[in-house]
Amino acid sequence: MAGSAPVEFYGALGRIHSRDGGVDLRFYPFAFATESDARIVLIVRFEGAHFQTEELAGLLGDEVEATVFLDRAEVHSVFGGTTTILQASSVTAEWSAYDVEDLLQRVRQLQDEHDHLNRALAKSVTKNLKGLALVQELQRRAEIKAAASDDFKHRQASALAALERLLRHFEADD
């Protein structure tokens, strides 16, 4: 921290690390940087912390605004509407690159998102296949009815045209 100017940050509280004599908090921006030398992680180090890390457990992963001073940090939960004041004998803030745990955490997050999207895709494909089968059955029934007489053929023409459009929709590769 240069001088006594407070350091401000808007993002998410990602990790809390207790160590002998202090506590480290890691704050992450919302956009993940892919540059290997990006120093976008804010590490706030508390020496002689006057708080328990359990007080912060509810803020992990939350959208927060943090302001870091020489003797305290104020962490405001944007959606929770609460402000937690963390006091210590001394507080320092530094900008850092991602560490190995940050990257592993990001990989796990992306894997979870991939799994979620894969399940959603499978569910959507199943629904589309059921919709396709329903349209094919309705089309089959409309064709049988249309074949019964010229009157029914005329009445079923618009229904068959609509079912044909639905069929093309379900079978299209776009």
Protein backbone atom coordinates (compact mmCIF):
# COMPACT_ATOMS: atom_id res chain seq x y z
CA MET A 1 0.00 0.00 0.00
CA ALA A 2 1.54 3.22 -1.10
CA GLY A 3 1.31 5.77 1.71
CA SER A 4 -1.93 5.88 3.60
CA ALA A 5 -4.30 6.03 0.64
CA PRO A 6 -6.96 3.35 0.95
CA VAL A 7 -7.06 0.56 -1.62
CA GLU A 8 -10.50 -0.12 -3.12
CA PHE A 9 -11.68 -3.28 -4.81
CA TYR A 10 -14.90 -4.55 -6.36
CA GLY A 11 -15.22 -8.25 -7.07
CA ALA A 12 -15.53 -11.44 -5.06
CA LEU A 13 -13.92 -12.74 -1.89
CA GLY A 14 -12.32 -15.95 -3.05
CA ARG A 15 -10.17 -17.37 -0.27
CA ILE A 16 -9.44 -16.93 3.41
CA HIS A 17 -6.14 -18.23 4.74
CA SER A 18 -5.29 -18.26 8.45
CA ARG A 19 -1.61 -18.31 9.33
CA ASP A 20 0.45 -17.82 12.47
CA GLY A 21 -0.02 -14.24 13.53
CA GLY A 22 -2.44 -13.25 10.80
CA VAL A 23 -4.99 -13.78 8.10
CA ASP A 24 -4.78 -13.38 4.32
CA LEU A 25 -7.80 -12.64 2.13
CA ARG A 26 -7.74 -13.09 -1.63
CA PHE A 27 -10.16 -11.03 -3.70
CA TYR A 28 -10.80 -11.79 -7.37
CA PRO A 29 -12.23 -9.64 -10.15
CA PHE A 30 -15.24 -10.98 -12.01
CA ALA A 31 -13.43 -11.30 -15.33
CA PHE A 32 -10.75 -13.99 -15.34
CA ALA A 33 -7.53 -12.73 -16.88
CA THR A 34 -5.74 -15.12 -19.22
CA GLU A 35 -2.45 -13.21 -19.32
CA SER A 36 0.17 -15.05 -17.24
CA ASP A 37 1.56 -11.83 -15.76
CA ALA A 38 -1.78 -10.20 -14.90
CA ARG A 39 -1.70 -8.85 -11.35
CA ILE A 40 -5.41 -8.57 -10.68
CA VAL A 41 -5.81 -10.55 -7.46
CA LEU A 42 -5.94 -8.34 -4.38
CA ILE A 43 -4.27 -9.94 -1.37
CA VAL A 44 -5.06 -8.29 1.95
CA ARG A 45 -2.77 -9.34 4.81
CA PHE A 46 -3.79 -8.79 8.42
CA GLU A 47 -1.09 -8.94 11.11
CA GLY A 48 -2.45 -9.28 14.63
CA ALA A 49 -6.02 -9.72 13.42
CA HIS A 50 -8.76 -8.70 15.88
CA PHE A 51 -11.38 -10.93 14.22
CA GLN A 52 -12.11 -14.59 13.64
CA THR A 53 -12.07 -16.02 10.13
CA GLU A 54 -15.48 -17.61 10.82
CA GLU A 55 -16.95 -14.09 10.62
CA LEU A 56 -16.04 -14.07 6.92
CA ALA A 57 -17.25 -17.54 5.92
CA GLY A 58 -20.60 -16.16 4.70
CA LEU A 59 -18.83 -13.75 2.37
CA LEU A 60 -16.86 -16.38 0.44
CA GLY A 61 -17.81 -16.18 -3.21
CA ASP A 62 -20.01 -13.12 -2.62
CA GLU A 63 -19.92 -9.94 -4.67
CA VAL A 64 -18.19 -7.45 -2.40
CA GLU A 65 -16.76 -3.97 -2.23
CA ALA A 66 -13.61 -3.79 -0.12
CA THR A 67 -11.74 -0.78 1.16
CA VAL A 68 -8.38 -1.41 2.79
CA PHE A 69 -6.82 1.01 5.29
CA LEU A 70 -3.60 0.71 7.34
CA ASP A 71 -5.41 -0.67 10.41
CA ARG A 72 -8.60 -2.20 9.01
CA ALA A 73 -10.49 -3.37 5.97
CA GLU A 74 -14.17 -2.79 5.33
CA VAL A 75 -15.88 -5.49 3.30
CA HIS A 76 -19.38 -4.70 2.10
CA SER A 77 -21.57 -7.53 0.79
CA VAL A 78 -23.34 -6.03 -2.22
CA PHE A 79 -26.36 -8.33 -2.14
CA GLY A 80 -26.28 -9.09 1.59
CA GLY A 81 -26.30 -5.40 2.45
CA THR A 82 -23.88 -5.91 5.34
CA THR A 83 -20.53 -4.33 6.07
CA THR A 84 -17.90 -6.24 8.00
CA ILE A 85 -15.09 -4.23 9.56
CA LEU A 86 -11.91 -6.26 9.99
CA GLN A 87 -9.42 -4.66 12.34
CA ALA A 88 -5.80 -5.65 12.89
CA SER A 89 -2.51 -4.27 14.18
CA SER A 90 -1.49 -3.70 10.58
CA VAL A 91 -3.10 -4.29 7.24
CA THR A 92 -1.36 -4.41 3.87
CA ALA A 93 -2.73 -4.85 0.38
CA GLU A 94 -0.88 -5.98 -2.70
CA TRP A 95 -1.83 -6.87 -6.25
CA SER A 96 -0.77 -10.34 -7.29
CA ALA A 97 -1.03 -12.84 -10.11
CA TYR A 98 -3.04 -16.02 -9.72
CA ASP A 99 -1.38 -18.77 -7.71
CA VAL A 100 -1.70 -22.53 -8.28
CA GLU A 101 -4.70 -22.84 -5.94
CA ASP A 102 -6.45 -19.98 -7.77
CA LEU A 103 -5.95 -21.75 -11.08
CA LEU A 104 -7.11 -25.10 -9.68
CA GLN A 105 -10.16 -23.41 -8.22
CA ARG A 106 -10.91 -21.88 -11.64
CA VAL A 107 -10.50 -25.27 -13.33
CA ARG A 108 -12.94 -26.81 -10.82
CA GLN A 109 -15.38 -23.96 -11.43
CA LEU A 110 -15.16 -24.42 -15.20
CA GLN A 111 -15.58 -28.19 -14.80
CA ASP A 112 -18.72 -27.62 -12.69
CA GLU A 113 -20.06 -25.19 -15.31
CA HIS A 114 -19.26 -27.69 -18.07
CA ASP A 115 -21.06 -30.47 -16.19
CA HIS A 116 -24.08 -28.23 -15.59
CA LEU A 117 -24.24 -27.18 -19.25
CA ASN A 118 -23.79 -30.77 -20.40
CA ARG A 119 -26.74 -31.88 -18.23
CA ALA A 120 -28.83 -28.98 -19.54
CA LEU A 121 -27.91 -29.88 -23.12
CA ALA A 122 -28.85 -33.53 -22.59
CA LYS A 123 -32.18 -32.45 -21.11
CA SER A 124 -32.84 -30.12 -24.06
CA VAL A 125 -31.92 -32.80 -26.61
CA THR A 126 -34.32 -35.22 -24.90
CA LYS A 127 -37.10 -32.62 -24.96
CA ASN A 128 -36.44 -31.90 -28.65
CA LEU A 129 -36.54 -35.62 -29.50
CA LYS A 130 -39.85 -35.97 -27.66
CA GLY A 131 -41.15 -32.90 -29.50
CA LEU A 132 -40.02 -34.35 -32.82
CA ALA A 133 -41.76 -37.65 -32.06
CA LEU A 134 -44.95 -35.79 -31.10
CA VAL A 135 -44.91 -33.74 -34.34
CA GLN A 136 -44.33 -36.91 -36.39
CA GLU A 137 -47.26 -38.63 -34.66
CA LEU A 138 -49.53 -35.61 -35.18
CA GLN A 139 -48.48 -35.46 -38.82
CA ARG A 140 -49.20 -39.18 -39.26
CA ARG A 141 -52.68 -38.75 -37.76
CA ALA A 142 -53.41 -35.66 -39.87
CA GLU A 143 -52.35 -37.53 -43.03
CA ILE A 144 -54.65 -40.46 -42.16
CA LYS A 145 -57.53 -38.07 -41.58
CA ALA A 146 -56.77 -36.18 -44.82
CA ALA A 147 -56.76 -39.43 -46.77
CA ALA A 148 -60.32 -40.26 -45.60
CA SER A 149 -62.03 -37.86 -48.02
CA ASP A 150 -61.54 -34.79 -50.19
CA ASP A 151 -63.36 -32.69 -47.57
CA PHE A 152 -60.96 -33.85 -44.82
CA LYS A 153 -58.00 -33.36 -47.18
CA HIS A 154 -58.96 -29.70 -47.59
CA ARG A 155 -59.54 -29.24 -43.82
CA GLN A 156 -56.23 -30.85 -42.86
CA ALA A 157 -54.10 -28.87 -45.36
CA SER A 158 -53.25 -26.00 -43.01
CA ALA A 159 -52.60 -28.37 -40.09
CA LEU A 160 -50.29 -30.48 -42.26
CA ALA A 161 -48.46 -27.35 -43.45
CA ALA A 162 -47.92 -26.20 -39.85
CA LEU A 163 -46.75 -29.66 -38.82
CA GLU A 164 -44.36 -29.74 -41.78
CA ARG A 165 -42.84 -26.42 -40.65
CA LEU A 166 -42.46 -27.83 -37.10
CA LEU A 167 -40.87 -30.97 -38.49
CA ARG A 168 -38.33 -28.91 -40.48
CA HIS A 169 -37.62 -26.89 -37.32
CA PHE A 170 -36.85 -29.99 -35.26
CA GLU A 171 -34.81 -31.67 -38.00
CA ALA A 172 -32.76 -28.59 -38.98
CA ASP A 173 -29.03 -28.63 -38.17
CA ASP A 174 -28.83 -24.93 -37.29
